[in-house]
C-alpha atoms as a PDB file:
ATOM      1  CA  MET A   1     133.914 121.205 104.993  1.00  0.00           C
ATOM      2  CA  SER A   2     133.839 123.329 107.455  1.00  0.00           C
ATOM      3  CA  PRO A   3     131.643 123.243 110.647  1.00  0.00           C
ATOM      4  CA  HIS A   4     131.437 127.128 110.307  1.00  0.00           C
ATOM      5  CA  LEU A   5     130.444 127.360 106.853  1.00  0.00           C
ATOM      6  CA  SER A   6     128.126 124.536 107.511  1.00  0.00           C
ATOM      7  CA  ARG A   7     126.546 126.934 110.213  1.00  0.00           C
ATOM      8  CA  ALA A   8     126.344 129.652 107.897  1.00  0.00           C
ATOM      9  CA  ILE A   9     124.463 128.365 105.139  1.00  0.00           C
ATOM     10  CA  ALA A  10     121.888 126.997 108.003  1.00  0.00           C
ATOM     11  CA  ALA A  11     121.611 130.450 109.201  1.00  0.00           C
ATOM     12  CA  GLN A  12     121.127 132.304 106.045  1.00  0.00           C
ATOM     13  CA  PRO A  13     117.406 132.655 104.759  1.00  0.00           C
ATOM     14  CA  VAL A  14     116.930 131.739 101.282  1.00  0.00           C
ATOM     15  CA  ALA A  15     117.017 134.797  99.562  1.00  0.00           C
ATOM     16  CA  ALA A  16     120.697 135.096 101.360  1.00  0.00           C
ATOM     17  CA  GLN A  17     122.312 131.803 100.383  1.00  0.00           C
ATOM     18  CA  PRO A  18     125.619 131.605  98.854  1.00  0.00           C
ATOM     19  CA  ALA A  19     125.570 131.690  95.335  1.00  0.00           C
ATOM     20  CA  GLY A  20     129.008 132.000  94.532  1.00  0.00           C
ATOM     21  CA  ARG A  21     129.352 128.277  96.042  1.00  0.00           C
ATOM     22  CA  SER A  22     128.866 125.701  93.302  1.00  0.00           C
ATOM     23  CA  LEU A  23     128.087 122.295  94.666  1.00  0.00           C
ATOM     24  CA  GLN A  24     130.113 119.149  93.079  1.00  0.00           C
ATOM     25  CA  ARG A  25     128.780 116.169  95.470  1.00  0.00           C
ATOM     26  CA  ILE A  26     125.311 115.954  97.202  1.00  0.00           C
ATOM     27  CA  ALA A  27     124.185 113.226  99.843  1.00  0.00           C
ATOM     28  CA  PHE A  28     121.008 111.529 100.301  1.00  0.00           C
ATOM     29  CA  GLY A  29     118.888 109.507 102.255  1.00  0.00           C
ATOM     30  CA  SER A  30     115.846 108.932 104.683  1.00  0.00           C
ATOM     31  CA  CYS A  31     114.582 106.155 106.863  1.00  0.00           C
ATOM     32  CA  ALA A  32     116.595 106.757 109.998  1.00  0.00           C
ATOM     33  CA  GLU A  33     115.279 104.905 112.999  1.00  0.00           C
ATOM     34  CA  GLN A  34     116.270 106.888 115.711  1.00  0.00           C
ATOM     35  CA  TYR A  35     116.381 104.421 118.587  1.00  0.00           C
ATOM     36  CA  LYS A  36     118.736 102.281 116.156  1.00  0.00           C
ATOM     37  CA  PRO A  37     122.510 102.602 115.680  1.00  0.00           C
ATOM     38  CA  GLN A  38     123.415 104.639 112.593  1.00  0.00           C
ATOM     39  CA  PRO A  39     126.799 103.169 111.367  1.00  0.00           C
ATOM     40  CA  VAL A  40     126.123 104.824 108.059  1.00  0.00           C
ATOM     41  CA  TRP A  41     126.552 108.095 109.062  1.00  0.00           C
ATOM     42  CA  ASP A  42     130.424 107.503 108.680  1.00  0.00           C
ATOM     43  CA  ALA A  43     130.140 106.208 105.440  1.00  0.00           C
ATOM     44  CA  VAL A  44     128.271 109.481 104.254  1.00  0.00           C
ATOM     45  CA  VAL A  45     131.213 111.775 106.037  1.00  0.00           C
ATOM     46  CA  ALA A  46     133.997 110.034 104.365  1.00  0.00           C
ATOM     47  CA  GLU A  47     132.009 110.744 100.961  1.00  0.00           C
ATOM     48  CA  ASP A  48     132.611 114.410 101.381  1.00  0.00           C
ATOM     49  CA  PRO A  49     129.356 115.655 100.173  1.00  0.00           C
ATOM     50  CA  ASP A  50     128.962 119.580  99.994  1.00  0.00           C
ATOM     51  CA  LEU A  51     125.546 119.086 100.940  1.00  0.00           C
ATOM     52  CA  PHE A  52     123.226 116.519 102.786  1.00  0.00           C
ATOM     53  CA  LEU A  53     119.567 116.111 101.755  1.00  0.00           C
ATOM     54  CA  PHE A  54     117.670 114.493 104.367  1.00  0.00           C
ATOM     55  CA  LEU A  55     114.314 113.316 102.662  1.00  0.00           C
ATOM     56  CA  GLY A  56     112.096 112.327 105.635  1.00  0.00           C
ATOM     57  CA  ASP A  57     111.203 109.331 107.874  1.00  0.00           C
ATOM     58  CA  ASN A  58     114.341 111.115 109.641  1.00  0.00           C
ATOM     59  CA  ILE A  59     112.861 110.062 113.014  1.00  0.00           C
ATOM     60  CA  TYR A  60     109.720 107.882 113.660  1.00  0.00           C
ATOM     61  CA  ALA A  61     107.600 109.674 115.719  1.00  0.00           C
ATOM     62  CA  ASP A  62     103.806 108.553 115.207  1.00  0.00           C
ATOM     63  CA  THR A  63     102.635 110.658 117.662  1.00  0.00           C
ATOM     64  CA  GLU A  64     100.176 113.688 118.399  1.00  0.00           C
ATOM     65  CA  ASP A  65     102.181 114.465 121.707  1.00  0.00           C
ATOM     66  CA  MET A  66     104.821 117.217 120.742  1.00  0.00           C
ATOM     67  CA  GLU A  67     107.018 116.384 123.526  1.00  0.00           C
ATOM     68  CA  LEU A  68     107.484 113.036 122.531  1.00  0.00           C
ATOM     69  CA  MET A  69     108.238 113.780 119.201  1.00  0.00           C
ATOM     70  CA  GLN A  70     110.747 116.425 120.377  1.00  0.00           C
ATOM     71  CA  ALA A  71     112.232 113.583 122.554  1.00  0.00           C
ATOM     72  CA  LYS A  72     112.383 111.387 119.346  1.00  0.00           C
ATOM     73  CA  TYR A  73     114.524 114.381 117.880  1.00  0.00           C
ATOM     74  CA  ALA A  74     116.956 114.478 120.495  1.00  0.00           C
ATOM     75  CA  GLU A  75     117.404 110.926 119.926  1.00  0.00           C
ATOM     76  CA  LEU A  76     118.687 111.353 116.307  1.00  0.00           C
ATOM     77  CA  GLY A  77     120.616 114.452 117.400  1.00  0.00           C
ATOM     78  CA  ALA A  78     122.489 112.581 119.776  1.00  0.00           C
ATOM     79  CA  GLN A  79     123.233 109.853 117.312  1.00  0.00           C
ATOM     80  CA  PRO A  80     127.434 110.181 117.277  1.00  0.00           C
ATOM     81  CA  GLY A  81     127.326 109.893 113.268  1.00  0.00           C
ATOM     82  CA  TYR A  82     124.942 112.776 112.788  1.00  0.00           C
ATOM     83  CA  GLN A  83     126.719 114.621 115.489  1.00  0.00           C
ATOM     84  CA  LYS A  84     129.633 114.123 112.741  1.00  0.00           C
ATOM     85  CA  LEU A  85     128.231 115.047 110.233  1.00  0.00           C
ATOM     86  CA  LEU A  86     126.981 118.125 111.268  1.00  0.00           C
ATOM     87  CA  GLU A  87     130.591 119.572 111.960  1.00  0.00           C
ATOM     88  CA  ASN A  88     131.716 118.523 108.358  1.00  0.00           C
ATOM     89  CA  CYS A  89     128.387 119.321 106.051  1.00  0.00           C
ATOM     90  CA  PRO A  90     125.011 121.591 105.401  1.00  0.00           C
ATOM     91  CA  VAL A  91     122.036 119.729 106.143  1.00  0.00           C
ATOM     92  CA  LEU A  92     118.460 120.342 104.070  1.00  0.00           C
ATOM     93  CA  ALA A  93     115.484 118.503 104.947  1.00  0.00           C
ATOM     94  CA  THR A  94     111.797 117.746 104.299  1.00  0.00           C
ATOM     95  CA  TRP A  95     109.909 115.080 105.990  1.00  0.00           C
ATOM     96  CA  ASP A  96     107.654 112.024 105.376  1.00  0.00           C
ATOM     97  CA  ASP A  97     104.996 110.650 107.172  1.00  0.00           C
ATOM     98  CA  HIS A  98     106.669 109.236 110.377  1.00  0.00           C
ATOM     99  CA  ASP A  99     108.276 112.688 111.173  1.00  0.00           C
ATOM    100  CA  TYR A 100     105.344 114.132 110.309  1.00  0.00           C
ATOM    101  CA  GLY A 101     103.314 112.383 113.025  1.00  0.00           C
ATOM    102  CA  VAL A 102     101.393 110.002 111.664  1.00  0.00           C
ATOM    103  CA  ASN A 103     101.777 106.742 109.285  1.00  0.00           C
ATOM    104  CA  ASP A 104     100.739 107.582 105.380  1.00  0.00           C
ATOM    105  CA  GLY A 105      99.578 110.850 107.267  1.00  0.00           C
ATOM    106  CA  GLY A 106      97.977 114.087 105.272  1.00  0.00           C
ATOM    107  CA  GLU A 107      96.109 117.196 105.616  1.00  0.00           C
ATOM    108  CA  TRP A 108      94.033 115.708 108.329  1.00  0.00           C
ATOM    109  CA  TYR A 109      96.511 115.297 111.087  1.00  0.00           C
ATOM    110  CA  ALA A 110      95.790 117.369 113.905  1.00  0.00           C
ATOM    111  CA  LYS A 111      99.178 118.630 114.627  1.00  0.00           C
ATOM    112  CA  ARG A 112     100.576 119.323 111.313  1.00  0.00           C
ATOM    113  CA  ASP A 113     101.318 123.197 112.346  1.00  0.00           C
ATOM    114  CA  GLU A 114     103.067 122.260 115.983  1.00  0.00           C
ATOM    115  CA  SER A 115     105.165 119.449 114.502  1.00  0.00           C
ATOM    116  CA  GLN A 116     105.985 121.625 111.716  1.00  0.00           C
ATOM    117  CA  THR A 117     107.615 124.021 114.561  1.00  0.00           C
ATOM    118  CA  ILE A 118     109.399 121.526 115.656  1.00  0.00           C
ATOM    119  CA  MET A 119     110.848 120.020 112.615  1.00  0.00           C
ATOM    120  CA  LEU A 120     111.911 123.528 111.283  1.00  0.00           C
ATOM    121  CA  ASP A 121     113.411 124.465 114.637  1.00  0.00           C
ATOM    122  CA  PHE A 122     115.825 120.883 114.664  1.00  0.00           C
ATOM    123  CA  PHE A 123     116.934 121.341 111.341  1.00  0.00           C
ATOM    124  CA  ASP A 124     118.031 125.016 112.438  1.00  0.00           C
ATOM    125  CA  VAL A 125     115.789 126.646 109.826  1.00  0.00           C
ATOM    126  CA  PRO A 126     116.229 130.582 110.320  1.00  0.00           C
ATOM    127  CA  GLU A 127     113.348 132.637 112.389  1.00  0.00           C
ATOM    128  CA  ASP A 128     113.183 134.640 109.216  1.00  0.00           C
ATOM    129  CA  SER A 129     112.843 132.269 106.599  1.00  0.00           C
ATOM    130  CA  ILE A 130     109.908 131.699 104.333  1.00  0.00           C
ATOM    131  CA  ARG A 131     109.443 127.920 105.822  1.00  0.00           C
ATOM    132  CA  ARG A 132     108.532 129.857 108.692  1.00  0.00           C
ATOM    133  CA  GLN A 133     105.790 131.616 107.600  1.00  0.00           C
ATOM    134  CA  ARG A 134     103.450 129.544 105.466  1.00  0.00           C
ATOM    135  CA  ARG A 135     101.752 125.869 105.807  1.00  0.00           C
ATOM    136  CA  GLY A 136     104.370 123.128 105.578  1.00  0.00           C
ATOM    137  CA  VAL A 137     107.911 122.583 105.085  1.00  0.00           C
ATOM    138  CA  TYR A 138     108.486 122.903 101.631  1.00  0.00           C
ATOM    139  CA  GLY A 139     111.582 125.346 100.345  1.00  0.00           C
ATOM    140  CA  ALA A 140     114.194 126.116  98.084  1.00  0.00           C
ATOM    141  CA  TYR A 141     117.790 126.824  97.386  1.00  0.00           C
ATOM    142  CA  LEU A 142     120.091 127.940  94.759  1.00  0.00           C
ATOM    143  CA  PHE A 143     124.001 127.301  95.053  1.00  0.00           C
ATOM    144  CA  GLY A 144     126.492 128.378  92.555  1.00  0.00           C
ATOM    145  CA  PRO A 145     127.181 130.927  89.588  1.00  0.00           C
ATOM    146  CA  PRO A 146     125.481 130.615  86.399  1.00  0.00           C
ATOM    147  CA  GLY A 147     126.423 127.860  84.299  1.00  0.00           C
ATOM    148  CA  ARG A 148     127.315 125.740  87.357  1.00  0.00           C
ATOM    149  CA  ARG A 149     124.070 126.429  89.593  1.00  0.00           C
ATOM    150  CA  VAL A 150     122.059 124.229  91.300  1.00  0.00           C
ATOM    151  CA  GLN A 151     118.501 124.425  92.432  1.00  0.00           C
ATOM    152  CA  VAL A 152     117.546 122.407  95.623  1.00  0.00           C
ATOM    153  CA  ILE A 153     113.584 122.185  95.652  1.00  0.00           C
ATOM    154  CA  LEU A 154     112.346 120.389  98.870  1.00  0.00           C
ATOM    155  CA  LEU A 155     108.724 119.580  98.407  1.00  0.00           C
ATOM    156  CA  ASP A 156     106.253 118.303 101.080  1.00  0.00           C
ATOM    157  CA  THR A 157     104.301 115.826 100.011  1.00  0.00           C
ATOM    158  CA  ARG A 158     102.358 115.463 103.499  1.00  0.00           C
ATOM    159  CA  TYR A 159     100.540 118.789 104.954  1.00  0.00           C
ATOM    160  CA  PHE A 160      97.940 118.581 102.191  1.00  0.00           C
ATOM    161  CA  LYS A 161      97.862 115.544 101.006  1.00  0.00           C
ATOM    162  CA  SER A 162      94.242 113.819 100.262  1.00  0.00           C
ATOM    163  CA  HIS A 163      93.425 110.657 101.698  1.00  0.00           C
ATOM    164  CA  HIS A 164      94.245 107.370  99.796  1.00  0.00           C
ATOM    165  CA  THR A 165      92.182 104.918  98.145  1.00  0.00           C
ATOM    166  CA  LYS A 166      93.022 101.654  99.163  1.00  0.00           C
ATOM    167  CA  ASP A 167      93.875  98.354  97.279  1.00  0.00           C
ATOM    168  CA  GLU A 168      90.565  96.024  98.191  1.00  0.00           C
ATOM    169  CA  ARG A 169      91.884  93.017  96.319  1.00  0.00           C
ATOM    170  CA  THR A 170      92.959  89.915  98.404  1.00  0.00           C
ATOM    171  CA  ASP A 171      96.486  89.070  99.229  1.00  0.00           C
ATOM    172  CA  GLU A 172      96.468  86.158  97.102  1.00  0.00           C
ATOM    173  CA  GLU A 173      95.324  88.427  94.389  1.00  0.00           C
ATOM    174  CA  LYS A 174      98.419  91.040  94.975  1.00  0.00           C
ATOM    175  CA  LYS A 175     100.697  88.556  95.535  1.00  0.00           C
ATOM    176  CA  GLU A 176     100.119  87.086  91.803  1.00  0.00           C
ATOM    177  CA  LEU A 177     100.616  90.564  90.344  1.00  0.00           C
ATOM    178  CA  ASP A 178     103.579  90.893  91.980  1.00  0.00           C
ATOM    179  CA  LEU A 179     102.161  93.880  94.548  1.00  0.00           C
ATOM    180  CA  VAL A 180     102.820  95.491  97.586  1.00  0.00           C
ATOM    181  CA  GLY A 181      99.231  96.203  97.465  1.00  0.00           C
ATOM    182  CA  TRP A 182      98.070  98.790  99.909  1.00  0.00           C
ATOM    183  CA  TYR A 183      96.640 101.553  97.461  1.00  0.00           C
ATOM    184  CA  VAL A 184      94.988 101.812  93.668  1.00  0.00           C
ATOM    185  CA  PRO A 185      95.655 105.301  92.033  1.00  0.00           C
ATOM    186  CA  ASN A 186      92.899 108.020  92.832  1.00  0.00           C
ATOM    187  CA  ASN A 187      91.684 109.578  89.984  1.00  0.00           C
ATOM    188  CA  ASP A 188      89.392 112.273  91.510  1.00  0.00           C
ATOM    189  CA  PRO A 189      90.721 115.958  90.398  1.00  0.00           C
ATOM    190  CA  GLU A 190      89.880 117.095  93.532  1.00  0.00           C
ATOM    191  CA  THR A 191      92.490 115.373  95.093  1.00  0.00           C
ATOM    192  CA  THR A 192      96.330 116.703  95.608  1.00  0.00           C
ATOM    193  CA  ILE A 193      99.665 115.765  97.101  1.00  0.00           C
ATOM    194  CA  LEU A 194     100.918 119.135  97.231  1.00  0.00           C
ATOM    195  CA  GLY A 195      98.089 121.543  97.406  1.00  0.00           C
ATOM    196  CA  ALA A 196      97.293 124.855  95.703  1.00  0.00           C
ATOM    197  CA  GLU A 197      99.739 127.194  97.341  1.00  0.00           C
ATOM    198  CA  GLN A 198     102.755 124.663  97.018  1.00  0.00           C
ATOM    199  CA  TRP A 199     101.729 124.294  93.101  1.00  0.00           C
ATOM    200  CA  GLU A 200     101.702 128.053  93.107  1.00  0.00           C
ATOM    201  CA  TRP A 201     105.172 128.293  94.569  1.00  0.00           C
ATOM    202  CA  LEU A 202     106.839 125.612  92.870  1.00  0.00           C
ATOM    203  CA  GLN A 203     106.000 127.034  89.543  1.00  0.00           C
ATOM    204  CA  ALA A 204     107.698 130.284  90.941  1.00  0.00           C
ATOM    205  CA  GLN A 205     110.928 128.129  91.575  1.00  0.00           C
ATOM    206  CA  LEU A 206     110.875 126.257  88.471  1.00  0.00           C
ATOM    207  CA  VAL A 207     111.213 129.433  86.232  1.00  0.00           C
ATOM    208  CA  LYS A 208     114.467 130.698  87.791  1.00  0.00           C
ATOM    209  CA  PRO A 209     117.622 129.905  86.249  1.00  0.00           C
ATOM    210  CA  ALA A 210     119.319 127.055  87.044  1.00  0.00           C
ATOM    211  CA  ASP A 211     121.737 124.202  85.566  1.00  0.00           C
ATOM    212  CA  VAL A 212     120.844 121.149  87.793  1.00  0.00           C
ATOM    213  CA  ARG A 213     117.370 121.384  89.194  1.00  0.00           C
ATOM    214  CA  ILE A 214     117.129 118.532  91.913  1.00  0.00           C
ATOM    215  CA  ILE A 215     113.489 118.142  93.156  1.00  0.00           C
ATOM    216  CA  ALA A 216     113.375 116.366  96.448  1.00  0.00           C
ATOM    217  CA  SER A 217     110.394 114.226  97.144  1.00  0.00           C
ATOM    218  CA  SER A 218     109.748 111.946 100.299  1.00  0.00           C
ATOM    219  CA  ILE A 219     107.756 109.102  98.106  1.00  0.00           C
ATOM    220  CA  GLN A 220     108.280 107.771  94.927  1.00  0.00           C
ATOM    221  CA  ILE A 221     107.589 110.279  91.633  1.00  0.00           C
ATOM    222  CA  VAL A 222     107.843 107.486  88.868  1.00  0.00           C
ATOM    223  CA  ALA A 223     107.950 103.687  90.218  1.00  0.00           C
ATOM    224  CA  ASP A 224     103.925 103.505  90.494  1.00  0.00           C
ATOM    225  CA  GLU A 225     103.152  99.622  90.763  1.00  0.00           C
ATOM    226  CA  LYS A 226     103.802  98.381  93.957  1.00  0.00           C
ATOM    227  CA  GLY A 227     100.648  99.435  95.320  1.00  0.00           C
ATOM    228  CA  MET A 228     103.378 101.779  98.368  1.00  0.00           C
ATOM    229  CA  GLU A 229     102.776 105.241  98.484  1.00  0.00           C
ATOM    230  CA  SER A 230     103.676 107.341  95.805  1.00  0.00           C
ATOM    231  CA  TRP A 231     102.638 110.116  93.136  1.00  0.00           C
ATOM    232  CA  GLY A 232     101.605 107.065  90.749  1.00  0.00           C
ATOM    233  CA  ASN A 233      98.732 107.115  93.391  1.00  0.00           C
ATOM    234  CA  PHE A 234      97.093 110.832  92.331  1.00  0.00           C
ATOM    235  CA  PRO A 235      98.074 110.519  88.313  1.00  0.00           C
ATOM    236  CA  HIS A 236      96.946 113.408  87.640  1.00  0.00           C
ATOM    237  CA  GLU A 237      99.314 115.159  90.458  1.00  0.00           C
ATOM    238  CA  ARG A 238     102.247 113.399  89.043  1.00  0.00           C
ATOM    239  CA  GLN A 239     101.303 114.231  85.260  1.00  0.00           C
ATOM    240  CA  ARG A 240     101.108 117.879  86.175  1.00  0.00           C
ATOM    241  CA  LEU A 241     104.575 117.775  88.012  1.00  0.00           C
ATOM    242  CA  TYR A 242     105.840 116.778  84.970  1.00  0.00           C
ATOM    243  CA  ASP A 243     103.934 118.900  82.524  1.00  0.00           C
ATOM    244  CA  LEU A 244     104.876 121.906  84.980  1.00  0.00           C
ATOM    245  CA  ILE A 245     108.755 120.983  84.412  1.00  0.00           C
ATOM    246  CA  GLY A 246     107.921 121.165  80.600  1.00  0.00           C
ATOM    247  CA  THR A 247     105.778 124.727  80.707  1.00  0.00           C
ATOM    248  CA  CYS A 248     108.664 125.950  82.771  1.00  0.00           C
ATOM    249  CA  ASN A 249     111.258 124.945  80.176  1.00  0.00           C
ATOM    250  CA  ALA A 250     113.277 123.894  83.167  1.00  0.00           C
ATOM    251  CA  ASN A 251     115.983 121.889  82.396  1.00  0.00           C
ATOM    252  CA  GLY A 252     118.524 119.851  84.183  1.00  0.00           C
ATOM    253  CA  VAL A 253     116.235 118.377  86.495  1.00  0.00           C
ATOM    254  CA  LEU A 254     116.986 115.237  88.562  1.00  0.00           C
ATOM    255  CA  LEU A 255     114.171 113.702  90.928  1.00  0.00           C
ATOM    256  CA  ILE A 256     114.952 112.019  94.299  1.00  0.00           C
ATOM    257  CA  SER A 257     113.136 110.093  97.138  1.00  0.00           C
ATOM    258  CA  GLY A 258     112.961 107.880  99.855  1.00  0.00           C
ATOM    259  CA  ASP A 259     110.348 106.070 101.806  1.00  0.00           C
ATOM    260  CA  VAL A 260     110.121 102.877 100.690  1.00  0.00           C
ATOM    261  CA  HIS A 261     112.892 101.353 102.566  1.00  0.00           C
ATOM    262  CA  PHE A 262     115.187  99.730  99.635  1.00  0.00           C
ATOM    263  CA  THR A 263     117.124 101.875  96.616  1.00  0.00           C
ATOM    264  CA  GLU A 264     116.195 102.102  92.597  1.00  0.00           C
ATOM    265  CA  ILE A 265     116.455 104.286  89.755  1.00  0.00           C
ATOM    266  CA  SER A 266     113.534 104.686  87.621  1.00  0.00           C
ATOM    267  CA  ARG A 267     113.286 106.484  84.848  1.00  0.00           C
ATOM    268  CA  THR A 268     110.075 107.832  82.553  1.00  0.00           C
ATOM    269  CA  GLU A 269     109.634 109.086  79.430  1.00  0.00           C
ATOM    270  CA  ASP A 270     106.341 111.158  80.447  1.00  0.00           C
ATOM    271  CA  GLY A 271     107.554 114.177  80.795  1.00  0.00           C
ATOM    272  CA  PRO A 272     109.418 116.883  78.554  1.00  0.00           C
ATOM    273  CA  TYR A 273     112.563 114.919  78.307  1.00  0.00           C
ATOM    274  CA  PRO A 274     113.712 111.867  80.238  1.00  0.00           C
ATOM    275  CA  LEU A 275     113.069 111.849  83.850  1.00  0.00           C
ATOM    276  CA  PHE A 276     114.958 109.771  86.542  1.00  0.00           C
ATOM    277  CA  ASP A 277     113.772 109.177  90.046  1.00  0.00           C
ATOM    278  CA  PHE A 278     116.809 108.167  92.490  1.00  0.00           C
ATOM    279  CA  THR A 279     115.169 106.525  95.501  1.00  0.00           C
ATOM    280  CA  SER A 280     117.565 106.219  98.481  1.00  0.00           C
ATOM    281  CA  SER A 281     116.221 104.448 101.663  1.00  0.00           C
ATOM    282  CA  SER A 282     116.582 103.022 104.291  1.00  0.00           C
ATOM    283  CA  MET A 283     119.799 104.863 106.649  1.00  0.00           C
ATOM    284  CA  THR A 284     119.110 102.181 109.324  1.00  0.00           C
ATOM    285  CA  VAL A 285     116.698  98.707 107.725  1.00  0.00           C
ATOM    286  CA  GLY A 286     115.635  97.645 104.585  1.00  0.00           C
ATOM    287  CA  VAL A 287     112.886  95.424 103.303  1.00  0.00           C
ATOM    288  CA  PRO A 288     113.616  92.807 100.640  1.00  0.00           C
ATOM    289  CA  GLU A 289     110.007  91.784  99.868  1.00  0.00           C
ATOM    290  CA  TRP A 290     109.212  95.293  98.796  1.00  0.00           C
ATOM    291  CA  ALA A 291     112.383  95.709  96.647  1.00  0.00           C
ATOM    292  CA  GLU A 292     111.727  92.454  94.786  1.00  0.00           C
ATOM    293  CA  ALA A 293     108.104  93.889  94.084  1.00  0.00           C
ATOM    294  CA  ILE A 294     107.051  94.931  90.278  1.00  0.00           C
ATOM    295  CA  ASN A 295     108.594  97.966  89.117  1.00  0.00           C
ATOM    296  CA  THR A 296     108.701  98.066  85.163  1.00  0.00           C
ATOM    297  CA  HIS A 297     110.581 101.989  85.421  1.00  0.00           C
ATOM    298  CA  ARG A 298     113.601 100.372  87.219  1.00  0.00           C
ATOM    299  CA  VAL A 299     117.157 101.085  85.366  1.00  0.00           C
ATOM    300  CA  SER A 300     119.408 100.337  87.966  1.00  0.00           C
ATOM    301  CA  GLN A 301     120.488  96.724  88.336  1.00  0.00           C
ATOM    302  CA  THR A 302     118.672  96.623  91.342  1.00  0.00           C
ATOM    303  CA  GLY A 303     116.369  97.249  94.141  1.00  0.00           C
ATOM    304  CA  TYR A 304     118.815  97.574  97.030  1.00  0.00           C
ATOM    305  CA  ALA A 305     117.410  96.779 100.220  1.00  0.00           C
ATOM    306  CA  ASP A 306     120.213  97.511 103.200  1.00  0.00           C
ATOM    307  CA  GLN A 307     121.379 100.312 104.779  1.00  0.00           C
ATOM    308  CA  THR A 308     122.024 102.991 102.173  1.00  0.00           C
ATOM    309  CA  PHE A 309     122.233 106.035 101.038  1.00  0.00           C
ATOM    310  CA  GLY A 310     122.959 108.212  97.751  1.00  0.00           C
ATOM    311  CA  THR A 311     124.964 110.081  95.896  1.00  0.00           C
ATOM    312  CA  ILE A 312     125.113 112.590  93.099  1.00  0.00           C
ATOM    313  CA  GLU A 313     128.593 113.705  91.653  1.00  0.00           C
ATOM    314  CA  ILE A 314     127.994 116.432  89.223  1.00  0.00           C
ATOM    315  CA  GLY A 315     130.676 116.481  86.448  1.00  0.00           C
ATOM    316  CA  TRP A 316     131.091 120.043  85.940  1.00  0.00           C
ATOM    317  CA  ASP A 317     134.505 120.183  83.984  1.00  0.00           C
ATOM    318  CA  GLN A 318     133.755 116.992  81.929  1.00  0.00           C
ATOM    319  CA  GLN A 319     133.757 117.596  78.007  1.00  0.00           C
ATOM    320  CA  GLN A 320     130.094 116.549  78.330  1.00  0.00           C
ATOM    321  CA  PRO A 321     128.792 117.176  81.853  1.00  0.00           C
ATOM    322  CA  SER A 322     127.040 114.678  83.241  1.00  0.00           C
ATOM    323  CA  LEU A 323     125.324 113.180  86.609  1.00  0.00           C
ATOM    324  CA  THR A 324     126.893 110.077  88.409  1.00  0.00           C
ATOM    325  CA  LEU A 325     124.003 108.702  90.565  1.00  0.00           C
ATOM    326  CA  GLN A 326     125.292 106.347  93.207  1.00  0.00           C
ATOM    327  CA  ALA A 327     124.172 103.796  95.791  1.00  0.00           C
ATOM    328  CA  HIS A 328     126.128 103.147  98.611  1.00  0.00           C
ATOM    329  CA  SER A 329     126.062 100.565 101.136  1.00  0.00           C
ATOM    330  CA  VAL A 330     126.689 101.054 105.022  1.00  0.00           C
ATOM    331  CA  SER A 331     130.623 100.651 104.919  1.00  0.00           C
ATOM    332  CA  GLY A 332     130.358 103.374 101.648  1.00  0.00           C
ATOM    333  CA  GLU A 333     131.121 100.838  98.152  1.00  0.00           C
ATOM    334  CA  ALA A 334     129.023 102.013  95.633  1.00  0.00           C
ATOM    335  CA  VAL A 335     126.107  98.704  94.886  1.00  0.00           C
ATOM    336  CA  PHE A 336     125.209 100.431  91.778  1.00  0.00           C
ATOM    337  CA  GLU A 337     125.991 103.166  89.221  1.00  0.00           C
ATOM    338  CA  LEU A 338     124.160 105.401  86.951  1.00  0.00           C
ATOM    339  CA  ASP A 339     125.606 108.178  84.786  1.00  0.00           C
ATOM    340  CA  VAL A 340     123.054 110.711  83.392  1.00  0.00           C
ATOM    341  CA  PRO A 341     124.472 113.514  80.713  1.00  0.00           C
ATOM    342  CA  LEU A 342     123.045 116.786  81.616  1.00  0.00           C
ATOM    343  CA  SER A 343     122.462 117.152  77.796  1.00  0.00           C
ATOM    344  CA  GLU A 344     120.162 114.488  77.995  1.00  0.00           C
ATOM    345  CA  LEU A 345     117.734 116.410  80.549  1.00  0.00           C
ATOM    346  CA  ARG A 346     116.857 119.314  78.424  1.00  0.00           C
ATOM    347  CA  LYS A 347     113.560 119.415  76.374  1.00  0.00           C
END
């Protein structure tokens, strides 16, 4: 892909996205410690994606010092592999806790507005973008003509998020239950992940015509048993998402997520049709013991805990169009694959 096209997409406001250009291959990833080597970018570029989605923990900042945060983004920007990606592929991004500025952070983070500006600056979000005119980094983009239209929805799971409820069980109890065990579900209907403003915006996006909808969340949506950060920690918010997809007759939804330092695909029947959550993490270091924790929703062969990225191949020209979901190793090898017929992603 031409770097001129990459810059052109980055330079356009949402309303002026190149709707005539369809997407066939989308790559995505999360958790890229900027101070470590990042050879995985060579494999990403070799896949020749039409678009790369950065799902959060794009840097590890964890600071209220905004000069330090800018310096850490500069470290990512100086990575040779990331520079090569920018020469070949447009990039869209949301954030997670470590690039937001505080571990497991939410609406209480004191520097969230300043952090938002730095993040949007780094990813070349246009000055006149609506993403700069509201609280939170969420945004939506449309690509392709009718019949091949892809909607990319980037959620912000940090700016408005309420406090988690800690899991007070002992380490021994958690081990017996095969848990990581940081948090337990909070059923208080006053708690939130997205916040009222973002929920209203999301409903407006889901009624727009699209054939494939990629909803990107920094944290896992479907997998909920491990006790890590996930939408399952706020069950009412997750069910609201599932219900909204149905209410808006939003067919073609694929959920993608990051954060957990391993890769897996989970499936739920709690939505208007089967919903798949393709988690890809990390681009620099995995955590095998977290990958081995319980997830009865998993439909991939494994929880893969090494340097990785994901790809979504849209088979527009197949007799029965489908999404091919692949997790890739640092060398580019597909470590697991799942085909999802688009006909299955309908009410």
